Amino acid sequence: MVIKIFLVLAVIVIVFVVVVARQPSEFRIARSITISASPSAVFSQVNDFHNWEAWSPWAKLDPAAKESYAGPSAGTGAIYAWAGNNQVGEGRMTITERHPNDLIRIKLEFDKPFKATNTAEFAFQPHGNQTVVTWSMFGKNNFMSKAMGLVMNCDKMVGGQFEKGLAQLKTIAESATKEAKR
């Protein structure tokens, strides 16, 4: 009887490991929004981490999170670190590449609730008097990420936060544009 239980458990574990191993080894989450502002107006909101508190969805999840900044105030080399509750975790972002009014690439390092290093990007594409902003995050899925993906829809969860952040960014950039025209 004990051997049968052990064999059943072994088969379940093996099937689980095989199913997890067959999940995609890379992920990409992206959301876009059209903002009635120039690429430079939107770019400036993202290029300086000090501006993120106004539009980042994670800032609202833990207003008491500890934050710190290092390096230049904006652009390549700017660093933002945070430590907060279990909804925001702990980590740091570093702007690794920027092309004015076109692209910002960020190294995103999580320490808690789990260790991970991913890349986040903001692409700014002019579209008449508007700008299409695409916020994306991509990286590799380790075994634990693959296993979590079986029970959680990370694209929906993180993508939903991207949508909230982009909506806030839209409000701020469009308000600033209207104010500048006065």
N, C-alpha and C. Protein backbone atom coordinates (compact mmCIF):
# COMPACT_ATOMS: atom_id res chain seq x y z
N MET A 1 0.81 -1.20 0.00
CA MET A 1 0.00 0.00 0.00
C MET A 1 0.86 1.28 0.00
N VAL A 2 1.89 1.29 0.86
CA VAL A 2 2.79 2.44 0.95
C VAL A 2 3.53 2.63 -0.37
N ILE A 3 3.91 1.54 -0.99
CA ILE A 3 4.63 1.62 -2.27
C ILE A 3 3.71 2.19 -3.35
N LYS A 4 2.45 1.77 -3.36
CA LYS A 4 1.50 2.30 -4.34
C LYS A 4 1.31 3.81 -4.15
N ILE A 5 1.18 4.24 -2.92
CA ILE A 5 1.02 5.68 -2.63
C ILE A 5 2.27 6.43 -3.09
N PHE A 6 3.44 5.87 -2.79
CA PHE A 6 4.69 6.50 -3.21
C PHE A 6 4.78 6.59 -4.74
N LEU A 7 4.39 5.52 -5.44
CA LEU A 7 4.44 5.52 -6.90
C LEU A 7 3.47 6.55 -7.49
N VAL A 8 2.27 6.65 -6.92
CA VAL A 8 1.29 7.64 -7.39
C VAL A 8 1.83 9.05 -7.18
N LEU A 9 2.39 9.30 -6.01
CA LEU A 9 2.98 10.62 -5.73
C LEU A 9 4.14 10.91 -6.67
N ALA A 10 4.97 9.92 -6.93
CA ALA A 10 6.11 10.10 -7.84
C ALA A 10 5.62 10.45 -9.25
N VAL A 11 4.58 9.75 -9.70
CA VAL A 11 4.02 10.04 -11.03
C VAL A 11 3.45 11.46 -11.07
N ILE A 12 2.74 11.85 -10.03
CA ILE A 12 2.18 13.21 -9.97
C ILE A 12 3.30 14.25 -10.03
N VAL A 13 4.36 14.04 -9.26
CA VAL A 13 5.49 14.98 -9.25
C VAL A 13 6.14 15.03 -10.63
N ILE A 14 6.35 13.90 -11.24
CA ILE A 14 6.98 13.85 -12.57
C ILE A 14 6.11 14.56 -13.60
N VAL A 15 4.81 14.30 -13.59
CA VAL A 15 3.90 14.96 -14.52
C VAL A 15 3.93 16.47 -14.30
N PHE A 16 3.91 16.89 -13.04
CA PHE A 16 3.96 18.33 -12.72
C PHE A 16 5.25 18.95 -13.26
N VAL A 17 6.38 18.31 -13.01
CA VAL A 17 7.66 18.84 -13.48
C VAL A 17 7.69 18.93 -15.01
N VAL A 18 7.16 17.93 -15.69
CA VAL A 18 7.13 17.94 -17.16
C VAL A 18 6.23 19.06 -17.66
N VAL A 19 5.06 19.21 -17.06
CA VAL A 19 4.14 20.27 -17.48
C VAL A 19 4.78 21.65 -17.27
N VAL A 20 5.39 21.85 -16.12
CA VAL A 20 6.04 23.14 -15.83
C VAL A 20 7.19 23.38 -16.81
N ALA A 21 8.00 22.37 -17.04
CA ALA A 21 9.16 22.51 -17.93
C ALA A 21 8.76 22.86 -19.36
N ARG A 22 7.56 22.48 -19.76
CA ARG A 22 7.11 22.75 -21.13
C ARG A 22 6.51 24.15 -21.30
N GLN A 23 6.41 24.92 -20.22
CA GLN A 23 5.89 26.29 -20.31
C GLN A 23 6.93 27.16 -21.00
N PRO A 24 6.51 28.30 -21.58
CA PRO A 24 7.47 29.16 -22.29
C PRO A 24 8.62 29.62 -21.39
N SER A 25 9.81 29.66 -21.95
CA SER A 25 10.99 30.05 -21.18
C SER A 25 11.16 31.57 -21.12
N GLU A 26 10.38 32.28 -21.92
CA GLU A 26 10.44 33.75 -21.91
C GLU A 26 9.01 34.30 -21.86
N PHE A 27 8.90 35.54 -21.36
CA PHE A 27 7.59 36.18 -21.31
C PHE A 27 7.72 37.62 -21.80
N ARG A 28 6.61 38.16 -22.22
CA ARG A 28 6.52 39.56 -22.62
C ARG A 28 5.10 40.03 -22.30
N ILE A 29 5.02 41.13 -21.58
CA ILE A 29 3.74 41.76 -21.24
C ILE A 29 3.80 43.17 -21.80
N ALA A 30 2.79 43.60 -22.52
CA ALA A 30 2.80 44.95 -23.10
C ALA A 30 1.39 45.52 -23.16
N ARG A 31 1.32 46.81 -22.93
CA ARG A 31 0.07 47.55 -23.06
C ARG A 31 0.40 48.90 -23.69
N SER A 32 -0.56 49.43 -24.45
CA SER A 32 -0.37 50.72 -25.13
C SER A 32 -1.54 51.64 -24.86
N ILE A 33 -1.27 52.93 -25.02
CA ILE A 33 -2.31 53.95 -24.90
C ILE A 33 -1.92 55.11 -25.80
N THR A 34 -2.93 55.82 -26.30
CA THR A 34 -2.69 57.02 -27.11
C THR A 34 -2.93 58.23 -26.22
N ILE A 35 -1.93 59.11 -26.20
CA ILE A 35 -1.96 60.30 -25.34
C ILE A 35 -1.92 61.55 -26.21
N SER A 36 -2.80 62.49 -25.91
CA SER A 36 -2.84 63.75 -26.66
C SER A 36 -1.79 64.70 -26.11
N ALA A 37 -0.55 64.36 -26.40
CA ALA A 37 0.61 65.16 -26.00
C ALA A 37 1.76 64.75 -26.91
N SER A 38 2.77 65.59 -26.98
CA SER A 38 3.93 65.29 -27.82
C SER A 38 4.77 64.18 -27.18
N PRO A 39 5.56 63.48 -28.00
CA PRO A 39 6.44 62.47 -27.43
C PRO A 39 7.36 63.06 -26.35
N SER A 40 7.83 64.27 -26.53
CA SER A 40 8.74 64.86 -25.53
C SER A 40 8.04 65.10 -24.20
N ALA A 41 6.77 65.49 -24.24
CA ALA A 41 6.02 65.73 -23.00
C ALA A 41 5.82 64.43 -22.23
N VAL A 42 5.53 63.35 -22.93
CA VAL A 42 5.32 62.07 -22.27
C VAL A 42 6.66 61.49 -21.84
N PHE A 43 7.65 61.57 -22.70
CA PHE A 43 8.99 61.05 -22.41
C PHE A 43 9.53 61.64 -21.11
N SER A 44 9.34 62.94 -20.91
CA SER A 44 9.88 63.59 -19.71
C SER A 44 9.25 63.06 -18.43
N GLN A 45 8.01 62.60 -18.50
CA GLN A 45 7.35 62.03 -17.32
C GLN A 45 7.96 60.67 -16.94
N VAL A 46 8.41 59.93 -17.92
CA VAL A 46 8.95 58.58 -17.67
C VAL A 46 10.45 58.62 -17.42
N ASN A 47 11.15 59.55 -18.02
CA ASN A 47 12.61 59.62 -17.97
C ASN A 47 13.14 60.01 -16.59
N ASP A 48 12.30 60.56 -15.73
CA ASP A 48 12.71 60.99 -14.39
C ASP A 48 11.90 60.20 -13.36
N PHE A 49 12.57 59.31 -12.63
CA PHE A 49 11.86 58.47 -11.65
C PHE A 49 11.14 59.29 -10.59
N HIS A 50 11.57 60.51 -10.35
CA HIS A 50 10.89 61.37 -9.37
C HIS A 50 9.43 61.65 -9.79
N ASN A 51 9.13 61.56 -11.08
CA ASN A 51 7.77 61.80 -11.58
C ASN A 51 6.87 60.59 -11.43
N TRP A 52 7.44 59.42 -11.22
CA TRP A 52 6.66 58.18 -11.25
C TRP A 52 5.62 58.09 -10.15
N GLU A 53 5.88 58.70 -9.00
CA GLU A 53 4.92 58.60 -7.90
C GLU A 53 3.54 59.10 -8.30
N ALA A 54 3.50 60.06 -9.21
CA ALA A 54 2.22 60.64 -9.64
C ALA A 54 1.41 59.69 -10.52
N TRP A 55 2.06 58.76 -11.23
CA TRP A 55 1.31 57.92 -12.16
C TRP A 55 1.54 56.42 -12.00
N SER A 56 2.56 55.99 -11.29
CA SER A 56 2.84 54.57 -11.16
C SER A 56 1.76 53.88 -10.32
N PRO A 57 1.19 52.80 -10.82
CA PRO A 57 0.14 52.11 -10.06
C PRO A 57 0.68 51.49 -8.77
N TRP A 58 1.95 51.15 -8.74
CA TRP A 58 2.51 50.51 -7.56
C TRP A 58 2.71 51.51 -6.42
N ALA A 59 2.90 52.79 -6.73
CA ALA A 59 3.03 53.81 -5.68
C ALA A 59 1.75 53.89 -4.85
N LYS A 60 0.62 53.64 -5.48
CA LYS A 60 -0.66 53.72 -4.78
C LYS A 60 -0.95 52.47 -3.94
N LEU A 61 -0.30 51.35 -4.26
CA LEU A 61 -0.52 50.12 -3.51
C LEU A 61 0.13 50.16 -2.13
N ASP A 62 1.19 50.96 -1.98
CA ASP A 62 1.83 51.11 -0.67
C ASP A 62 2.40 52.52 -0.55
N PRO A 63 1.56 53.48 -0.15
CA PRO A 63 2.04 54.86 0.01
C PRO A 63 3.14 54.99 1.06
N ALA A 64 3.29 54.00 1.95
CA ALA A 64 4.31 54.06 3.00
C ALA A 64 5.63 53.40 2.57
N ALA A 65 5.73 52.95 1.35
CA ALA A 65 6.95 52.29 0.89
C ALA A 65 8.14 53.24 1.02
N LYS A 66 9.29 52.67 1.38
CA LYS A 66 10.53 53.45 1.46
C LYS A 66 11.11 53.54 0.05
N GLU A 67 11.48 54.76 -0.33
CA GLU A 67 12.02 54.99 -1.68
C GLU A 67 13.36 55.69 -1.58
N SER A 68 14.23 55.42 -2.55
CA SER A 68 15.49 56.14 -2.63
C SER A 68 15.88 56.30 -4.10
N TYR A 69 16.67 57.32 -4.35
CA TYR A 69 17.12 57.64 -5.70
C TYR A 69 18.64 57.74 -5.67
N ALA A 70 19.28 57.35 -6.77
CA ALA A 70 20.73 57.45 -6.88
C ALA A 70 21.08 57.77 -8.33
N GLY A 71 22.30 58.18 -8.55
CA GLY A 71 22.75 58.50 -9.89
C GLY A 71 22.18 59.82 -10.35
N PRO A 72 22.18 60.05 -11.65
CA PRO A 72 21.63 61.31 -12.17
C PRO A 72 20.13 61.40 -11.86
N SER A 73 19.60 62.61 -11.87
CA SER A 73 18.18 62.78 -11.54
C SER A 73 17.27 62.20 -12.62
N ALA A 74 17.76 62.08 -13.83
CA ALA A 74 16.97 61.53 -14.93
C ALA A 74 17.91 60.91 -15.96
N GLY A 75 17.35 60.09 -16.81
CA GLY A 75 18.10 59.54 -17.92
C GLY A 75 18.96 58.34 -17.55
N THR A 76 19.84 57.96 -18.46
CA THR A 76 20.69 56.78 -18.30
C THR A 76 21.47 56.87 -16.99
N GLY A 77 21.41 55.78 -16.23
CA GLY A 77 22.11 55.72 -14.95
C GLY A 77 21.26 56.11 -13.75
N ALA A 78 20.08 56.70 -13.99
CA ALA A 78 19.19 57.05 -12.88
C ALA A 78 18.69 55.76 -12.23
N ILE A 79 18.65 55.77 -10.89
CA ILE A 79 18.25 54.58 -10.14
C ILE A 79 17.15 54.95 -9.17
N TYR A 80 16.15 54.08 -9.09
CA TYR A 80 15.07 54.20 -8.13
C TYR A 80 14.97 52.87 -7.40
N ALA A 81 15.01 52.91 -6.06
CA ALA A 81 14.87 51.69 -5.27
C ALA A 81 13.67 51.84 -4.34
N TRP A 82 13.02 50.72 -4.02
CA TRP A 82 11.87 50.75 -3.14
C TRP A 82 11.87 49.52 -2.24
N ALA A 83 11.21 49.67 -1.10
CA ALA A 83 10.97 48.55 -0.19
C ALA A 83 9.60 48.81 0.42
N GLY A 84 8.67 47.90 0.16
CA GLY A 84 7.31 48.12 0.61
C GLY A 84 6.64 46.87 1.11
N ASN A 85 5.33 46.91 1.15
CA ASN A 85 4.53 45.78 1.63
C ASN A 85 4.59 44.62 0.64
N ASN A 86 3.83 43.56 0.93
CA ASN A 86 3.89 42.39 0.06
C ASN A 86 3.28 42.62 -1.32
N GLN A 87 2.54 43.71 -1.51
CA GLN A 87 1.99 44.00 -2.84
C GLN A 87 3.03 44.64 -3.76
N VAL A 88 3.99 45.38 -3.22
CA VAL A 88 4.99 46.04 -4.06
C VAL A 88 6.38 45.42 -3.92
N GLY A 89 6.61 44.70 -2.84
CA GLY A 89 7.89 44.03 -2.67
C GLY A 89 9.05 44.97 -2.49
N GLU A 90 10.20 44.51 -2.96
CA GLU A 90 11.43 45.28 -2.83
C GLU A 90 12.27 45.10 -4.09
N GLY A 91 12.91 46.17 -4.52
CA GLY A 91 13.77 46.06 -5.69
C GLY A 91 14.31 47.40 -6.14
N ARG A 92 14.77 47.44 -7.37
CA ARG A 92 15.32 48.68 -7.92
C ARG A 92 15.18 48.68 -9.44
N MET A 93 15.12 49.90 -9.96
CA MET A 93 15.07 50.10 -11.42
C MET A 93 16.22 51.01 -11.80
N THR A 94 16.86 50.70 -12.91
CA THR A 94 17.95 51.52 -13.42
C THR A 94 17.69 51.79 -14.90
N ILE A 95 17.70 53.05 -15.29
CA ILE A 95 17.56 53.37 -16.72
C ILE A 95 18.89 53.01 -17.38
N THR A 96 18.83 52.06 -18.30
CA THR A 96 20.05 51.57 -18.95
C THR A 96 20.24 52.15 -20.35
N GLU A 97 19.15 52.63 -20.92
CA GLU A 97 19.23 53.16 -22.28
C GLU A 97 18.08 54.11 -22.50
N ARG A 98 18.36 55.18 -23.21
CA ARG A 98 17.29 56.10 -23.57
C ARG A 98 17.62 56.75 -24.90
N HIS A 99 16.59 56.92 -25.67
CA HIS A 99 16.68 57.65 -26.95
C HIS A 99 15.60 58.71 -26.83
N PRO A 100 16.00 59.98 -26.67
CA PRO A 100 15.01 61.04 -26.39
C PRO A 100 13.78 60.96 -27.29
N ASN A 101 12.63 61.01 -26.62
CA ASN A 101 11.31 61.03 -27.26
C ASN A 101 10.98 59.76 -28.04
N ASP A 102 11.77 58.70 -27.85
CA ASP A 102 11.59 57.48 -28.62
C ASP A 102 11.52 56.23 -27.74
N LEU A 103 12.49 56.05 -26.82
CA LEU A 103 12.59 54.81 -26.07
C LEU A 103 13.29 55.04 -24.73
N ILE A 104 12.80 54.35 -23.70
CA ILE A 104 13.48 54.26 -22.41
C ILE A 104 13.51 52.79 -22.04
N ARG A 105 14.70 52.27 -21.74
CA ARG A 105 14.86 50.87 -21.35
C ARG A 105 15.35 50.84 -19.91
N ILE A 106 14.76 49.97 -19.11
CA ILE A 106 15.02 49.92 -17.67
C ILE A 106 15.35 48.50 -17.24
N LYS A 107 16.43 48.37 -16.46
CA LYS A 107 16.73 47.10 -15.81
C LYS A 107 15.90 47.06 -14.54
N LEU A 108 15.07 46.06 -14.40
CA LEU A 108 14.14 45.93 -13.29
C LEU A 108 14.56 44.72 -12.45
N GLU A 109 15.00 45.00 -11.22
CA GLU A 109 15.50 43.95 -10.34
C GLU A 109 14.59 43.82 -9.12
N PHE A 110 14.02 42.65 -8.94
CA PHE A 110 13.18 42.37 -7.78
C PHE A 110 14.00 41.57 -6.78
N ASP A 111 13.91 41.96 -5.51
CA ASP A 111 14.53 41.18 -4.43
C ASP A 111 13.47 40.43 -3.64
N LYS A 112 12.30 41.04 -3.47
CA LYS A 112 11.17 40.44 -2.76
C LYS A 112 9.91 40.75 -3.53
N PRO A 113 8.94 39.93 -3.58
CA PRO A 113 8.78 38.68 -2.85
C PRO A 113 9.60 37.54 -3.42
N PHE A 114 10.21 37.72 -4.58
CA PHE A 114 11.09 36.70 -5.16
C PHE A 114 12.13 37.42 -6.00
N LYS A 115 13.27 36.78 -6.17
CA LYS A 115 14.34 37.38 -6.96
C LYS A 115 14.05 37.20 -8.45
N ALA A 116 14.21 38.28 -9.18
CA ALA A 116 14.04 38.23 -10.63
C ALA A 116 14.67 39.48 -11.23
N THR A 117 15.15 39.35 -12.44
CA THR A 117 15.67 40.49 -13.19
C THR A 117 15.00 40.47 -14.55
N ASN A 118 14.33 41.58 -14.88
CA ASN A 118 13.63 41.69 -16.15
C ASN A 118 13.99 43.03 -16.80
N THR A 119 13.46 43.24 -17.96
CA THR A 119 13.63 44.50 -18.67
C THR A 119 12.26 45.13 -18.88
N ALA A 120 12.19 46.43 -18.59
CA ALA A 120 10.97 47.19 -18.89
C ALA A 120 11.32 48.20 -19.96
N GLU A 121 10.38 48.48 -20.82
CA GLU A 121 10.60 49.47 -21.89
C GLU A 121 9.38 50.35 -22.04
N PHE A 122 9.65 51.59 -22.38
CA PHE A 122 8.62 52.53 -22.79
C PHE A 122 8.99 52.99 -24.19
N ALA A 123 8.10 52.78 -25.14
CA ALA A 123 8.30 53.24 -26.52
C ALA A 123 7.30 54.36 -26.78
N PHE A 124 7.76 55.43 -27.43
CA PHE A 124 6.96 56.61 -27.71
C PHE A 124 6.91 56.80 -29.22
N GLN A 125 5.74 56.65 -29.81
CA GLN A 125 5.60 56.79 -31.26
C GLN A 125 4.65 57.94 -31.57
N PRO A 126 5.16 58.95 -32.31
CA PRO A 126 4.26 60.06 -32.67
C PRO A 126 3.17 59.57 -33.61
N HIS A 127 1.98 60.13 -33.41
CA HIS A 127 0.83 59.77 -34.23
C HIS A 127 0.01 61.05 -34.39
N GLY A 128 0.37 61.87 -35.37
CA GLY A 128 -0.26 63.18 -35.54
C GLY A 128 0.09 64.06 -34.35
N ASN A 129 -0.92 64.62 -33.69
CA ASN A 129 -0.70 65.45 -32.50
C ASN A 129 -0.68 64.62 -31.22
N GLN A 130 -0.62 63.32 -31.37
CA GLN A 130 -0.67 62.43 -30.22
C GLN A 130 0.57 61.55 -30.18
N THR A 131 0.67 60.81 -29.08
CA THR A 131 1.78 59.87 -28.92
C THR A 131 1.22 58.52 -28.46
N VAL A 132 1.61 57.47 -29.15
CA VAL A 132 1.26 56.12 -28.72
C VAL A 132 2.40 55.65 -27.81
N VAL A 133 2.05 55.37 -26.56
CA VAL A 133 3.03 54.92 -25.57
C VAL A 133 2.79 53.44 -25.32
N THR A 134 3.85 52.65 -25.44
CA THR A 134 3.78 51.23 -25.14
C THR A 134 4.70 50.93 -23.97
N TRP A 135 4.12 50.38 -22.91
CA TRP A 135 4.87 49.97 -21.73
C TRP A 135 4.96 48.46 -21.78
N SER A 136 6.17 47.93 -21.78
CA SER A 136 6.33 46.48 -21.85
C SER A 136 7.35 46.01 -20.81
N MET A 137 7.25 44.76 -20.48
CA MET A 137 8.21 44.10 -19.60
C MET A 137 8.44 42.71 -20.17
N PHE A 138 9.71 42.31 -20.20
CA PHE A 138 10.02 40.99 -20.72
C PHE A 138 11.21 40.41 -19.98
N GLY A 139 11.32 39.11 -20.06
CA GLY A 139 12.43 38.43 -19.40
C GLY A 139 12.29 36.93 -19.54
N LYS A 140 13.08 36.24 -18.73
CA LYS A 140 13.09 34.78 -18.77
C LYS A 140 12.23 34.23 -17.63
N ASN A 141 11.58 33.13 -17.90
CA ASN A 141 10.80 32.42 -16.88
C ASN A 141 11.66 31.31 -16.30
N ASN A 142 11.97 31.39 -15.00
CA ASN A 142 12.64 30.26 -14.36
C ASN A 142 11.57 29.22 -13.99
N PHE A 143 11.99 28.13 -13.36
CA PHE A 143 11.05 27.06 -13.05
C PHE A 143 9.91 27.56 -12.18
N MET A 144 10.24 28.37 -11.17
CA MET A 144 9.21 28.87 -10.25
C MET A 144 8.22 29.78 -10.99
N SER A 145 8.72 30.64 -11.88
CA SER A 145 7.83 31.51 -12.66
C SER A 145 6.91 30.70 -13.55
N LYS A 146 7.46 29.65 -14.15
CA LYS A 146 6.65 28.78 -14.99
C LYS A 146 5.55 28.11 -14.17
N ALA A 147 5.90 27.65 -12.97
CA ALA A 147 4.92 26.99 -12.11
C ALA A 147 3.84 27.97 -11.68
N MET A 148 4.22 29.20 -11.32
CA MET A 148 3.25 30.21 -10.93
C MET A 148 2.31 30.54 -12.09
N GLY A 149 2.85 30.50 -13.30
CA GLY A 149 2.05 30.79 -14.49
C GLY A 149 0.93 29.79 -14.72
N LEU A 150 1.02 28.62 -14.11
CA LEU A 150 -0.03 27.62 -14.24
C LEU A 150 -1.27 27.99 -13.44
N VAL A 151 -1.09 28.77 -12.36
CA VAL A 151 -2.22 29.11 -11.50
C VAL A 151 -2.56 30.60 -11.52
N MET A 152 -1.66 31.44 -12.02
CA MET A 152 -1.91 32.88 -12.08
C MET A 152 -1.70 33.38 -13.49
N ASN A 153 -2.53 34.30 -13.93
CA ASN A 153 -2.36 34.91 -15.24
C ASN A 153 -1.55 36.19 -15.06
N CYS A 154 -0.23 36.07 -15.17
CA CYS A 154 0.66 37.21 -14.93
C CYS A 154 0.44 38.32 -15.96
N ASP A 155 0.12 37.94 -17.20
CA ASP A 155 -0.14 38.97 -18.21
C ASP A 155 -1.33 39.82 -17.80
N LYS A 156 -2.38 39.19 -17.33
CA LYS A 156 -3.57 39.93 -16.92
C LYS A 156 -3.28 40.76 -15.66
N MET A 157 -2.56 40.18 -14.71
CA MET A 157 -2.29 40.86 -13.44
C MET A 157 -1.37 42.07 -13.65
N VAL A 158 -0.22 41.85 -14.26
CA VAL A 158 0.73 42.95 -14.48
C VAL A 158 0.21 43.88 -15.56
N GLY A 159 -0.37 43.32 -16.60
CA GLY A 159 -0.94 44.14 -17.68
C GLY A 159 -2.00 45.08 -17.16
N GLY A 160 -2.80 44.62 -16.22
CA GLY A 160 -3.82 45.49 -15.61
C GLY A 160 -3.19 46.67 -14.89
N GLN A 161 -2.07 46.42 -14.22
CA GLN A 161 -1.36 47.52 -13.55
C GLN A 161 -0.77 48.48 -14.59
N PHE A 162 -0.24 47.94 -15.69
CA PHE A 162 0.27 48.79 -16.76
C PHE A 162 -0.84 49.70 -17.29
N GLU A 163 -2.04 49.12 -17.48
CA GLU A 163 -3.17 49.91 -17.99
C GLU A 163 -3.51 51.04 -17.04
N LYS A 164 -3.54 50.77 -15.73
CA LYS A 164 -3.81 51.83 -14.75
C LYS A 164 -2.74 52.91 -14.81
N GLY A 165 -1.47 52.50 -14.86
CA GLY A 165 -0.38 53.46 -14.91
C GLY A 165 -0.41 54.31 -16.17
N LEU A 166 -0.67 53.67 -17.29
CA LEU A 166 -0.74 54.42 -18.55
C LEU A 166 -1.91 55.41 -18.54
N ALA A 167 -3.03 55.03 -17.94
CA ALA A 167 -4.17 55.96 -17.84
C ALA A 167 -3.80 57.17 -16.99
N GLN A 168 -3.09 56.94 -15.89
CA GLN A 168 -2.64 58.06 -15.05
C GLN A 168 -1.62 58.92 -15.78
N LEU A 169 -0.70 58.27 -16.50
CA LEU A 169 0.30 58.99 -17.29
C LEU A 169 -0.39 59.86 -18.34
N LYS A 170 -1.42 59.34 -18.96
CA LYS A 170 -2.20 60.09 -19.95
C LYS A 170 -2.79 61.35 -19.32
N THR A 171 -3.43 61.18 -18.17
CA THR A 171 -4.04 62.32 -17.48
C THR A 171 -3.00 63.39 -17.16
N ILE A 172 -1.86 62.98 -16.64
CA ILE A 172 -0.82 63.94 -16.25
C ILE A 172 -0.21 64.63 -17.47
N ALA A 173 0.13 63.86 -18.49
CA ALA A 173 0.76 64.45 -19.69
C ALA A 173 -0.20 65.38 -20.43
N GLU A 174 -1.47 64.98 -20.52
CA GLU A 174 -2.44 65.82 -21.22
C GLU A 174 -2.72 67.09 -20.43
N SER A 175 -2.77 67.00 -19.10
CA SER A 175 -2.97 68.19 -18.27
C SER A 175 -1.80 69.16 -18.42
N ALA A 176 -0.58 68.62 -18.41
CA ALA A 176 0.62 69.45 -18.56
C ALA A 176 0.64 70.13 -19.93
N THR A 177 0.20 69.40 -20.95
CA THR A 177 0.16 69.96 -22.30
C THR A 177 -0.84 71.09 -22.38
N LYS A 178 -2.03 70.90 -21.79
CA LYS A 178 -3.05 71.96 -21.78
C LYS A 178 -2.55 73.18 -21.02
N GLU A 179 -1.89 72.93 -19.91
CA GLU A 179 -1.36 74.03 -19.08
C GLU A 179 -0.29 74.81 -19.84
N ALA A 180 0.55 74.11 -20.57
CA ALA A 180 1.63 74.77 -21.33
C ALA A 180 1.09 75.62 -22.46
N LYS A 181 -0.08 75.26 -23.00
CA LYS A 181 -0.67 76.02 -24.11
C LYS A 181 -1.34 77.30 -23.64
N ARG A 182 -1.59 77.41 -22.34
CA ARG A 182 -2.29 78.61 -21.82
C ARG A 182 -1.39 79.80 -21.79
